[in-house]
Amino acid sequence: MLSKVSSAVAAYTQAAEALSKSGAAPKDDGSSFASLITGALRDAGATVARVEAVSLQAVANQADLNEVVAAVTDAEVALQSVIAVRDKVIQAYNDVIKMPI
């Protein structure tokens, strides 16, 4: 399951980076919606990377179980947040598409 989570977060992070590199996101002081989402995706990716590192330490018997559980919980919350935002964006898109012209 951890590989599915990290794959999903990595895909969202790559999409956000591609969006920011393509120039589609406005360049400003960082207060735009796109920069907010990009930052959140990077944070989620960093959280998953930390979970993977802590999990590897746990397998090597070098990490505390409480630390592993806390890291996994943080990653789960980050993924749920990313999924919730994605669902809201898709719902908003569908609502806009259904609007009469």
PDB file of N, CA and C in Angstrom:
ATOM      1  N   MET A   1       0.821  -1.184   0.000  1.00  0.00           N
ATOM      2  CA  MET A   1       0.000   0.000   0.000  1.00  0.00           C
ATOM      3  C   MET A   1       0.867   1.252   0.000  1.00  0.00           C
ATOM      4  N   LEU A   2       2.011   1.205   0.669  1.00  0.00           N
ATOM      5  CA  LEU A   2       2.886   2.372   0.741  1.00  0.00           C
ATOM      6  C   LEU A   2       3.384   2.759  -0.642  1.00  0.00           C
ATOM      7  N   SER A   3       3.632   1.760  -1.495  1.00  0.00           N
ATOM      8  CA  SER A   3       4.100   2.096  -2.838  1.00  0.00           C
ATOM      9  C   SER A   3       3.002   2.763  -3.651  1.00  0.00           C
ATOM     10  N   LYS A   4       1.739   2.383  -3.445  1.00  0.00           N
ATOM     11  CA  LYS A   4       0.629   3.031  -4.138  1.00  0.00           C
ATOM     12  C   LYS A   4       0.495   4.482  -3.689  1.00  0.00           C
ATOM     13  N   VAL A   5       0.653   4.717  -2.401  1.00  0.00           N
ATOM     14  CA  VAL A   5       0.562   6.070  -1.858  1.00  0.00           C
ATOM     15  C   VAL A   5       1.682   6.926  -2.424  1.00  0.00           C
ATOM     16  N   SER A   6       2.898   6.410  -2.392  1.00  0.00           N
ATOM     17  CA  SER A   6       4.024   7.200  -2.886  1.00  0.00           C
ATOM     18  C   SER A   6       3.918   7.416  -4.385  1.00  0.00           C
ATOM     19  N   SER A   7       3.386   6.449  -5.121  1.00  0.00           N
ATOM     20  CA  SER A   7       3.202   6.629  -6.556  1.00  0.00           C
ATOM     21  C   SER A   7       2.176   7.715  -6.850  1.00  0.00           C
ATOM     22  N   ALA A   8       1.096   7.731  -6.091  1.00  0.00           N
ATOM     23  CA  ALA A   8       0.066   8.750  -6.294  1.00  0.00           C
ATOM     24  C   ALA A   8       0.603  10.134  -5.972  1.00  0.00           C
ATOM     25  N   VAL A   9       1.291  10.268  -4.870  1.00  0.00           N
ATOM     26  CA  VAL A   9       1.841  11.566  -4.490  1.00  0.00           C
ATOM     27  C   VAL A   9       2.898  12.004  -5.490  1.00  0.00           C
ATOM     28  N   ALA A  10       3.719  11.065  -5.948  1.00  0.00           N
ATOM     29  CA  ALA A  10       4.742  11.410  -6.940  1.00  0.00           C
ATOM     30  C   ALA A  10       4.098  11.883  -8.238  1.00  0.00           C
ATOM     31  N   ALA A  11       3.002  11.254  -8.635  1.00  0.00           N
ATOM     32  CA  ALA A  11       2.310  11.673  -9.855  1.00  0.00           C
ATOM     33  C   ALA A  11       1.737  13.069  -9.706  1.00  0.00           C
ATOM     34  N   TYR A  12       1.126  13.358  -8.561  1.00  0.00           N
ATOM     35  CA  TYR A  12       0.585  14.701  -8.328  1.00  0.00           C
ATOM     36  C   TYR A  12       1.708  15.735  -8.269  1.00  0.00           C
ATOM     37  N   THR A  13       2.821  15.383  -7.665  1.00  0.00           N
ATOM     38  CA  THR A  13       3.943  16.308  -7.579  1.00  0.00           C
ATOM     39  C   THR A  13       4.508  16.596  -8.965  1.00  0.00           C
ATOM     40  N   GLN A  14       4.636  15.571  -9.790  1.00  0.00           N
ATOM     41  CA  GLN A  14       5.134  15.767 -11.147  1.00  0.00           C
ATOM     42  C   GLN A  14       4.181  16.634 -11.958  1.00  0.00           C
ATOM     43  N   ALA A  15       2.894  16.428 -11.783  1.00  0.00           N
ATOM     44  CA  ALA A  15       1.911  17.242 -12.503  1.00  0.00           C
ATOM     45  C   ALA A  15       2.003  18.703 -12.075  1.00  0.00           C
ATOM     46  N   ALA A  16       2.165  18.932 -10.788  1.00  0.00           N
ATOM     47  CA  ALA A  16       2.283  20.308 -10.298  1.00  0.00           C
ATOM     48  C   ALA A  16       3.555  20.968 -10.803  1.00  0.00           C
ATOM     49  N   GLU A  17       4.661  20.218 -10.813  1.00  0.00           N
ATOM     50  CA  GLU A  17       5.918  20.773 -11.310  1.00  0.00           C
ATOM     51  C   GLU A  17       5.835  21.054 -12.803  1.00  0.00           C
ATOM     52  N   ALA A  18       5.196  20.172 -13.555  1.00  0.00           N
ATOM     53  CA  ALA A  18       5.036  20.400 -14.991  1.00  0.00           C
ATOM     54  C   ALA A  18       4.181  21.631 -15.239  1.00  0.00           C
ATOM     55  N   LEU A  19       3.162  21.813 -14.433  1.00  0.00           N
ATOM     56  CA  LEU A  19       2.298  22.979 -14.561  1.00  0.00           C
ATOM     57  C   LEU A  19       3.071  24.257 -14.279  1.00  0.00           C
ATOM     58  N   SER A  20       3.885  24.241 -13.240  1.00  0.00           N
ATOM     59  CA  SER A  20       4.632  25.453 -12.897  1.00  0.00           C
ATOM     60  C   SER A  20       5.744  25.724 -13.907  1.00  0.00           C
ATOM     61  N   LYS A  21       6.341  24.679 -14.485  1.00  0.00           N
ATOM     62  CA  LYS A  21       7.400  24.875 -15.473  1.00  0.00           C
ATOM     63  C   LYS A  21       6.847  25.318 -16.818  1.00  0.00           C
ATOM     64  N   SER A  22       5.611  24.950 -17.120  1.00  0.00           N
ATOM     65  CA  SER A  22       5.036  25.295 -18.417  1.00  0.00           C
ATOM     66  C   SER A  22       4.632  26.749 -18.496  1.00  0.00           C
ATOM     67  N   GLY A  23       4.617  27.424 -17.372  1.00  0.00           N
ATOM     68  CA  GLY A  23       4.231  28.826 -17.368  1.00  0.00           C
ATOM     69  C   GLY A  23       2.737  29.013 -17.214  1.00  0.00           C
ATOM     70  N   ALA A  24       1.981  27.936 -17.049  1.00  0.00           N
ATOM     71  CA  ALA A  24       0.534  28.044 -16.899  1.00  0.00           C
ATOM     72  C   ALA A  24       0.171  28.669 -15.556  1.00  0.00           C
ATOM     73  N   ALA A  25       1.002  28.453 -14.575  1.00  0.00           N
ATOM     74  CA  ALA A  25       0.749  29.050 -13.270  1.00  0.00           C
ATOM     75  C   ALA A  25       1.314  30.465 -13.252  1.00  0.00           C
ATOM     76  N   PRO A  26       0.564  31.405 -12.720  1.00  0.00           N
ATOM     77  CA  PRO A  26       1.055  32.776 -12.692  1.00  0.00           C
ATOM     78  C   PRO A  26       2.261  32.915 -11.767  1.00  0.00           C
ATOM     79  N   LYS A  27       3.214  33.724 -12.176  1.00  0.00           N
ATOM     80  CA  LYS A  27       4.397  33.962 -11.364  1.00  0.00           C
ATOM     81  C   LYS A  27       4.144  35.196 -10.506  1.00  0.00           C
ATOM     82  N   ASP A  28       4.025  35.001  -9.214  1.00  0.00           N
ATOM     83  CA  ASP A  28       3.805  36.123  -8.318  1.00  0.00           C
ATOM     84  C   ASP A  28       4.459  35.841  -6.987  1.00  0.00           C
ATOM     85  N   ASP A  29       3.992  36.468  -5.959  1.00  0.00           N
ATOM     86  CA  ASP A  29       4.609  36.351  -4.647  1.00  0.00           C
ATOM     87  C   ASP A  29       4.278  35.043  -3.931  1.00  0.00           C
ATOM     88  N   GLY A  30       3.646  34.097  -4.602  1.00  0.00           N
ATOM     89  CA  GLY A  30       3.326  32.819  -3.990  1.00  0.00           C
ATOM     90  C   GLY A  30       1.958  32.765  -3.358  1.00  0.00           C
ATOM     91  N   SER A  31       1.121  33.745  -3.622  1.00  0.00           N
ATOM     92  CA  SER A  31      -0.194  33.757  -2.999  1.00  0.00           C
ATOM     93  C   SER A  31      -1.289  33.237  -3.930  1.00  0.00           C
ATOM     94  N   SER A  32      -0.922  32.697  -5.081  1.00  0.00           N
ATOM     95  CA  SER A  32      -1.925  32.196  -6.009  1.00  0.00           C
ATOM     96  C   SER A  32      -2.370  30.791  -5.599  1.00  0.00           C
ATOM     97  N   PHE A  33      -3.501  30.399  -6.130  1.00  0.00           N
ATOM     98  CA  PHE A  33      -4.044  29.082  -5.839  1.00  0.00           C
ATOM     99  C   PHE A  33      -3.097  27.995  -6.337  1.00  0.00           C
ATOM    100  N   ALA A  34      -2.533  28.191  -7.528  1.00  0.00           N
ATOM    101  CA  ALA A  34      -1.619  27.188  -8.086  1.00  0.00           C
ATOM    102  C   ALA A  34      -0.391  27.000  -7.211  1.00  0.00           C
ATOM    103  N   SER A  35       0.158  28.101  -6.685  1.00  0.00           N
ATOM    104  CA  SER A  35       1.332  27.956  -5.826  1.00  0.00           C
ATOM    105  C   SER A  35       0.971  27.303  -4.496  1.00  0.00           C
ATOM    106  N   LEU A  36      -0.235  27.554  -4.024  1.00  0.00           N
ATOM    107  CA  LEU A  36      -0.705  26.899  -2.809  1.00  0.00           C
ATOM    108  C   LEU A  36      -0.804  25.392  -3.012  1.00  0.00           C
ATOM    109  N   ILE A  37      -1.395  24.977  -4.105  1.00  0.00           N
ATOM    110  CA  ILE A  37      -1.537  23.550  -4.408  1.00  0.00           C
ATOM    111  C   ILE A  37      -0.170  22.908  -4.644  1.00  0.00           C
ATOM    112  N   THR A  38       0.689  23.600  -5.381  1.00  0.00           N
ATOM    113  CA  THR A  38       2.028  23.067  -5.643  1.00  0.00           C
ATOM    114  C   THR A  38       2.795  22.858  -4.346  1.00  0.00           C
ATOM    115  N   GLY A  39       2.703  23.826  -3.449  1.00  0.00           N
ATOM    116  CA  GLY A  39       3.373  23.694  -2.157  1.00  0.00           C
ATOM    117  C   GLY A  39       2.827  22.542  -1.335  1.00  0.00           C
ATOM    118  N   ALA A  40       1.514  22.384  -1.357  1.00  0.00           N
ATOM    119  CA  ALA A  40       0.893  21.284  -0.618  1.00  0.00           C
ATOM    120  C   ALA A  40       1.316  19.933  -1.182  1.00  0.00           C
ATOM    121  N   LEU A  41       1.414  19.845  -2.507  1.00  0.00           N
ATOM    122  CA  LEU A  41       1.835  18.586  -3.120  1.00  0.00           C
ATOM    123  C   LEU A  41       3.290  18.275  -2.797  1.00  0.00           C
ATOM    124  N   ARG A  42       4.121  19.288  -2.783  1.00  0.00           N
ATOM    125  CA  ARG A  42       5.525  19.062  -2.413  1.00  0.00           C
ATOM    126  C   ARG A  42       5.633  18.607  -0.963  1.00  0.00           C
ATOM    127  N   ASP A  43       4.839  19.207  -0.090  1.00  0.00           N
ATOM    128  CA  ASP A  43       4.849  18.796   1.315  1.00  0.00           C
ATOM    129  C   ASP A  43       4.384  17.354   1.463  1.00  0.00           C
ATOM    130  N   ALA A  44       3.353  16.977   0.702  1.00  0.00           N
ATOM    131  CA  ALA A  44       2.863  15.597   0.755  1.00  0.00           C
ATOM    132  C   ALA A  44       3.933  14.632   0.254  1.00  0.00           C
ATOM    133  N   GLY A  45       4.626  15.017  -0.807  1.00  0.00           N
ATOM    134  CA  GLY A  45       5.706  14.176  -1.324  1.00  0.00           C
ATOM    135  C   GLY A  45       6.830  14.017  -0.321  1.00  0.00           C
ATOM    136  N   ALA A  46       7.161  15.100   0.371  1.00  0.00           N
ATOM    137  CA  ALA A  46       8.207  15.033   1.392  1.00  0.00           C
ATOM    138  C   ALA A  46       7.773  14.148   2.552  1.00  0.00           C
ATOM    139  N   THR A  47       6.505  14.206   2.909  1.00  0.00           N
ATOM    140  CA  THR A  47       5.985  13.370   3.992  1.00  0.00           C
ATOM    141  C   THR A  47       6.089  11.897   3.630  1.00  0.00           C
ATOM    142  N   VAL A  48       5.724  11.562   2.404  1.00  0.00           N
ATOM    143  CA  VAL A  48       5.804  10.163   1.966  1.00  0.00           C
ATOM    144  C   VAL A  48       7.262   9.708   1.925  1.00  0.00           C
ATOM    145  N   ALA A  49       8.151  10.572   1.480  1.00  0.00           N
ATOM    146  CA  ALA A  49       9.571  10.208   1.456  1.00  0.00           C
ATOM    147  C   ALA A  49      10.085   9.952   2.872  1.00  0.00           C
ATOM    148  N   ARG A  50       9.620  10.766   3.829  1.00  0.00           N
ATOM    149  CA  ARG A  50      10.030  10.567   5.224  1.00  0.00           C
ATOM    150  C   ARG A  50       9.490   9.239   5.755  1.00  0.00           C
ATOM    151  N   VAL A  51       8.267   8.901   5.377  1.00  0.00           N
ATOM    152  CA  VAL A  51       7.671   7.625   5.818  1.00  0.00           C
ATOM    153  C   VAL A  51       8.471   6.457   5.265  1.00  0.00           C
ATOM    154  N   GLU A  52       8.866   6.553   4.007  1.00  0.00           N
ATOM    155  CA  GLU A  52       9.654   5.466   3.424  1.00  0.00           C
ATOM    156  C   GLU A  52      10.980   5.304   4.151  1.00  0.00           C
ATOM    157  N   ALA A  53      11.623   6.425   4.484  1.00  0.00           N
ATOM    158  CA  ALA A  53      12.902   6.351   5.197  1.00  0.00           C
ATOM    159  C   ALA A  53      12.723   5.749   6.584  1.00  0.00           C
ATOM    160  N   VAL A  54      11.690   6.178   7.299  1.00  0.00           N
ATOM    161  CA  VAL A  54      11.433   5.650   8.646  1.00  0.00           C
ATOM    162  C   VAL A  54      11.061   4.171   8.571  1.00  0.00           C
ATOM    163  N   SER A  55      10.305   3.795   7.544  1.00  0.00           N
ATOM    164  CA  SER A  55       9.927   2.389   7.390  1.00  0.00           C
ATOM    165  C   SER A  55      11.149   1.516   7.136  1.00  0.00           C
ATOM    166  N   LEU A  56      12.067   2.020   6.323  1.00  0.00           N
ATOM    167  CA  LEU A  56      13.298   1.262   6.077  1.00  0.00           C
ATOM    168  C   LEU A  56      14.126   1.139   7.347  1.00  0.00           C
ATOM    169  N   GLN A  57      14.143   2.200   8.152  1.00  0.00           N
ATOM    170  CA  GLN A  57      14.852   2.128   9.427  1.00  0.00           C
ATOM    171  C   GLN A  57      14.184   1.115  10.354  1.00  0.00           C
ATOM    172  N   ALA A  58      12.852   1.051  10.319  1.00  0.00           N
ATOM    173  CA  ALA A  58      12.133   0.093  11.165  1.00  0.00           C
ATOM    174  C   ALA A  58      12.448  -1.341  10.747  1.00  0.00           C
ATOM    175  N   VAL A  59      12.536  -1.559   9.441  1.00  0.00           N
ATOM    176  CA  VAL A  59      12.872  -2.901   8.958  1.00  0.00           C
ATOM    177  C   VAL A  59      14.264  -3.297   9.423  1.00  0.00           C
ATOM    178  N   ALA A  60      15.160  -2.325   9.474  1.00  0.00           N
ATOM    179  CA  ALA A  60      16.534  -2.583   9.931  1.00  0.00           C
ATOM    180  C   ALA A  60      16.638  -2.555  11.455  1.00  0.00           C
ATOM    181  N   ASN A  61      15.507  -2.417  12.119  1.00  0.00           N
ATOM    182  CA  ASN A  61      15.427  -2.399  13.588  1.00  0.00           C
ATOM    183  C   ASN A  61      16.182  -1.202  14.179  1.00  0.00           C
ATOM    184  N   GLN A  62      16.102  -0.052  13.497  1.00  0.00           N
ATOM    185  CA  GLN A  62      16.790   1.150  13.950  1.00  0.00           C
ATOM    186  C   GLN A  62      15.819   2.285  14.290  1.00  0.00           C
ATOM    187  N   ALA A  63      14.530   2.061  14.166  1.00  0.00           N
ATOM    188  CA  ALA A  63      13.553   3.128  14.424  1.00  0.00           C
ATOM    189  C   ALA A  63      12.582   2.687  15.511  1.00  0.00           C
ATOM    190  N   ASP A  64      12.103   3.657  16.240  1.00  0.00           N
ATOM    191  CA  ASP A  64      11.115   3.418  17.279  1.00  0.00           C
ATOM    192  C   ASP A  64       9.748   3.184  16.639  1.00  0.00           C
ATOM    193  N   LEU A  65       8.983   2.269  17.177  1.00  0.00           N
ATOM    194  CA  LEU A  65       7.669   1.952  16.629  1.00  0.00           C
ATOM    195  C   LEU A  65       6.746   3.167  16.662  1.00  0.00           C
ATOM    196  N   ASN A  66       6.832   3.965  17.712  1.00  0.00           N
ATOM    197  CA  ASN A  66       5.997   5.173  17.800  1.00  0.00           C
ATOM    198  C   ASN A  66       6.314   6.146  16.673  1.00  0.00           C
ATOM    199  N   GLU A  67       7.582   6.260  16.328  1.00  0.00           N
ATOM    200  CA  GLU A  67       7.988   7.148  15.230  1.00  0.00           C
ATOM    201  C   GLU A  67       7.434   6.653  13.891  1.00  0.00           C
ATOM    202  N   VAL A  68       7.460   5.353  13.708  1.00  0.00           N
ATOM    203  CA  VAL A  68       6.941   4.763  12.474  1.00  0.00           C
ATOM    204  C   VAL A  68       5.432   5.007  12.375  1.00  0.00           C
ATOM    205  N   VAL A  69       4.719   4.762  13.449  1.00  0.00           N
ATOM    206  CA  VAL A  69       3.264   4.955  13.441  1.00  0.00           C
ATOM    207  C   VAL A  69       2.914   6.418  13.200  1.00  0.00           C
ATOM    208  N   ALA A  70       3.652   7.329  13.818  1.00  0.00           N
ATOM    209  CA  ALA A  70       3.391   8.760  13.616  1.00  0.00           C
ATOM    210  C   ALA A  70       3.664   9.166  12.171  1.00  0.00           C
ATOM    211  N   ALA A  71       4.726   8.651  11.597  1.00  0.00           N
ATOM    212  CA  ALA A  71       5.056   8.991  10.215  1.00  0.00           C
ATOM    213  C   ALA A  71       4.016   8.444   9.243  1.00  0.00           C
ATOM    214  N   VAL A  72       3.570   7.230   9.469  1.00  0.00           N
ATOM    215  CA  VAL A  72       2.548   6.636   8.601  1.00  0.00           C
ATOM    216  C   VAL A  72       1.234   7.405   8.725  1.00  0.00           C
ATOM    217  N   THR A  73       0.888   7.825   9.926  1.00  0.00           N
ATOM    218  CA  THR A  73      -0.333   8.602  10.129  1.00  0.00           C
ATOM    219  C   THR A  73      -0.234   9.944   9.412  1.00  0.00           C
ATOM    220  N   ASP A  74       0.924  10.589   9.490  1.00  0.00           N
ATOM    221  CA  ASP A  74       1.123  11.857   8.783  1.00  0.00           C
ATOM    222  C   ASP A  74       0.959  11.681   7.272  1.00  0.00           C
ATOM    223  N   ALA A  75       1.519  10.600   6.747  1.00  0.00           N
ATOM    224  CA  ALA A  75       1.410  10.339   5.308  1.00  0.00           C
ATOM    225  C   ALA A  75      -0.036  10.061   4.913  1.00  0.00           C
ATOM    226  N   GLU A  76      -0.748   9.350   5.753  1.00  0.00           N
ATOM    227  CA  GLU A  76      -2.148   9.051   5.465  1.00  0.00           C
ATOM    228  C   GLU A  76      -2.981  10.328   5.437  1.00  0.00           C
ATOM    229  N   VAL A  77      -2.747  11.211   6.384  1.00  0.00           N
ATOM    230  CA  VAL A  77      -3.469  12.486   6.429  1.00  0.00           C
ATOM    231  C   VAL A  77      -3.126  13.333   5.206  1.00  0.00           C
ATOM    232  N   ALA A  78      -1.853  13.357   4.823  1.00  0.00           N
ATOM    233  CA  ALA A  78      -1.437  14.122   3.645  1.00  0.00           C
ATOM    234  C   ALA A  78      -2.100  13.582   2.384  1.00  0.00           C
ATOM    235  N   LEU A  79      -2.134  12.272   2.237  1.00  0.00           N
ATOM    236  CA  LEU A  79      -2.760  11.677   1.062  1.00  0.00           C
ATOM    237  C   LEU A  79      -4.262  11.946   1.041  1.00  0.00           C
ATOM    238  N   GLN A  80      -4.916  11.828   2.184  1.00  0.00           N
ATOM    239  CA  GLN A  80      -6.347  12.112   2.240  1.00  0.00           C
ATOM    240  C   GLN A  80      -6.637  13.564   1.885  1.00  0.00           C
ATOM    241  N   SER A  81      -5.759  14.465   2.286  1.00  0.00           N
ATOM    242  CA  SER A  81      -5.931  15.878   1.940  1.00  0.00           C
ATOM    243  C   SER A  81      -5.782  16.096   0.442  1.00  0.00           C
ATOM    244  N   VAL A  82      -4.776  15.467  -0.157  1.00  0.00           N
ATOM    245  CA  VAL A  82      -4.569  15.587  -1.599  1.00  0.00           C
ATOM    246  C   VAL A  82      -5.768  15.034  -2.354  1.00  0.00           C
ATOM    247  N   ILE A  83      -6.276  13.904  -1.920  1.00  0.00           N
ATOM    248  CA  ILE A  83      -7.424  13.295  -2.582  1.00  0.00           C
ATOM    249  C   ILE A  83      -8.664  14.170  -2.427  1.00  0.00           C
ATOM    250  N   ALA A  84      -8.864  14.756  -1.254  1.00  0.00           N
ATOM    251  CA  ALA A  84     -10.023  15.625  -1.028  1.00  0.00           C
ATOM    252  C   ALA A  84      -9.965  16.856  -1.926  1.00  0.00           C
ATOM    253  N   VAL A  85      -8.794  17.452  -2.052  1.00  0.00           N
ATOM    254  CA  VAL A  85      -8.649  18.618  -2.928  1.00  0.00           C
ATOM    255  C   VAL A  85      -8.884  18.214  -4.373  1.00  0.00           C
ATOM    256  N   ARG A  86      -8.319  17.101  -4.781  1.00  0.00           N
ATOM    257  CA  ARG A  86      -8.535  16.619  -6.150  1.00  0.00           C
ATOM    258  C   ARG A  86     -10.007  16.408  -6.432  1.00  0.00           C
ATOM    259  N   ASP A  87     -10.724  15.780  -5.512  1.00  0.00           N
ATOM    260  CA  ASP A  87     -12.146  15.537  -5.697  1.00  0.00           C
ATOM    261  C   ASP A  87     -12.934  16.839  -5.802  1.00  0.00           C
ATOM    262  N   LYS A  88     -12.566  17.830  -4.987  1.00  0.00           N
ATOM    263  CA  LYS A  88     -13.253  19.131  -5.042  1.00  0.00           C
ATOM    264  C   LYS A  88     -12.975  19.842  -6.365  1.00  0.00           C
ATOM    265  N   VAL A  89     -11.744  19.748  -6.860  1.00  0.00           N
ATOM    266  CA  VAL A  89     -11.418  20.368  -8.140  1.00  0.00           C
ATOM    267  C   VAL A  89     -12.198  19.705  -9.261  1.00  0.00           C
ATOM    268  N   ILE A  90     -12.279  18.397  -9.243  1.00  0.00           N
ATOM    269  CA  ILE A  90     -13.046  17.684 -10.265  1.00  0.00           C
ATOM    270  C   ILE A  90     -14.529  18.038 -10.171  1.00  0.00           C
ATOM    271  N   GLN A  91     -15.061  18.114  -8.967  1.00  0.00           N
ATOM    272  CA  GLN A  91     -16.459  18.488  -8.779  1.00  0.00           C
ATOM    273  C   GLN A  91     -16.713  19.909  -9.292  1.00  0.00           C
ATOM    274  N   ALA A  92     -15.810  20.815  -9.002  1.00  0.00           N
ATOM    275  CA  ALA A  92     -15.962  22.194  -9.483  1.00  0.00           C
ATOM    276  C   ALA A  92     -15.900  22.246 -11.005  1.00  0.00           C
ATOM    277  N   TYR A  93     -15.011  21.493 -11.600  1.00  0.00           N
ATOM    278  CA  TYR A  93     -14.911  21.434 -13.054  1.00  0.00           C
ATOM    279  C   TYR A  93     -16.210  20.916 -13.655  1.00  0.00           C
ATOM    280  N   ASN A  94     -16.738  19.852 -13.089  1.00  0.00           N
ATOM    281  CA  ASN A  94     -17.996  19.296 -13.588  1.00  0.00           C
ATOM    282  C   ASN A  94     -19.142  20.286 -13.440  1.00  0.00           C
ATOM    283  N   ASP A  95     -19.167  21.023 -12.347  1.00  0.00           N
ATOM    284  CA  ASP A  95     -20.209  22.036 -12.151  1.00  0.00           C
ATOM    285  C   ASP A  95     -20.108  23.146 -13.183  1.00  0.00           C
ATOM    286  N   VAL A  96     -18.893  23.559 -13.504  1.00  0.00           N
ATOM    287  CA  VAL A  96     -18.700  24.600 -14.512  1.00  0.00           C
ATOM    288  C   VAL A  96     -19.119  24.093 -15.893  1.00  0.00           C
ATOM    289  N   ILE A  97     -18.780  22.861 -16.184  1.00  0.00           N
ATOM    290  CA  ILE A  97     -19.142  22.278 -17.479  1.00  0.00           C
ATOM    291  C   ILE A  97     -20.669  22.200 -17.651  1.00  0.00           C
ATOM    292  N   LYS A  98     -21.378  21.943 -16.579  1.00  0.00           N
ATOM    293  CA  LYS A  98     -22.838  21.800 -16.638  1.00  0.00           C
ATOM    294  C   LYS A  98     -23.576  23.140 -16.693  1.00  0.00           C
ATOM    295  N   MET A  99     -22.850  24.247 -16.477  1.00  0.00           N
ATOM    296  CA  MET A  99     -23.506  25.566 -16.492  1.00  0.00           C
ATOM    297  C   MET A  99     -23.997  25.902 -17.901  1.00  0.00           C
ATOM    298  N   PRO A 100     -25.201  26.458 -17.983  1.00  0.00           N
ATOM    299  CA  PRO A 100     -25.674  26.884 -19.303  1.00  0.00           C
ATOM    300  C   PRO A 100     -24.941  28.143 -19.764  1.00  0.00           C
ATOM    301  N   ILE A 101     -24.765  28.226 -21.045  1.00  0.00           N
ATOM    302  CA  ILE A 101     -24.051  29.389 -21.597  1.00  0.00           C
ATOM    303  C   ILE A 101     -25.049  30.456 -22.014  1.00  0.00           C
TER     304      ILE A 101
END
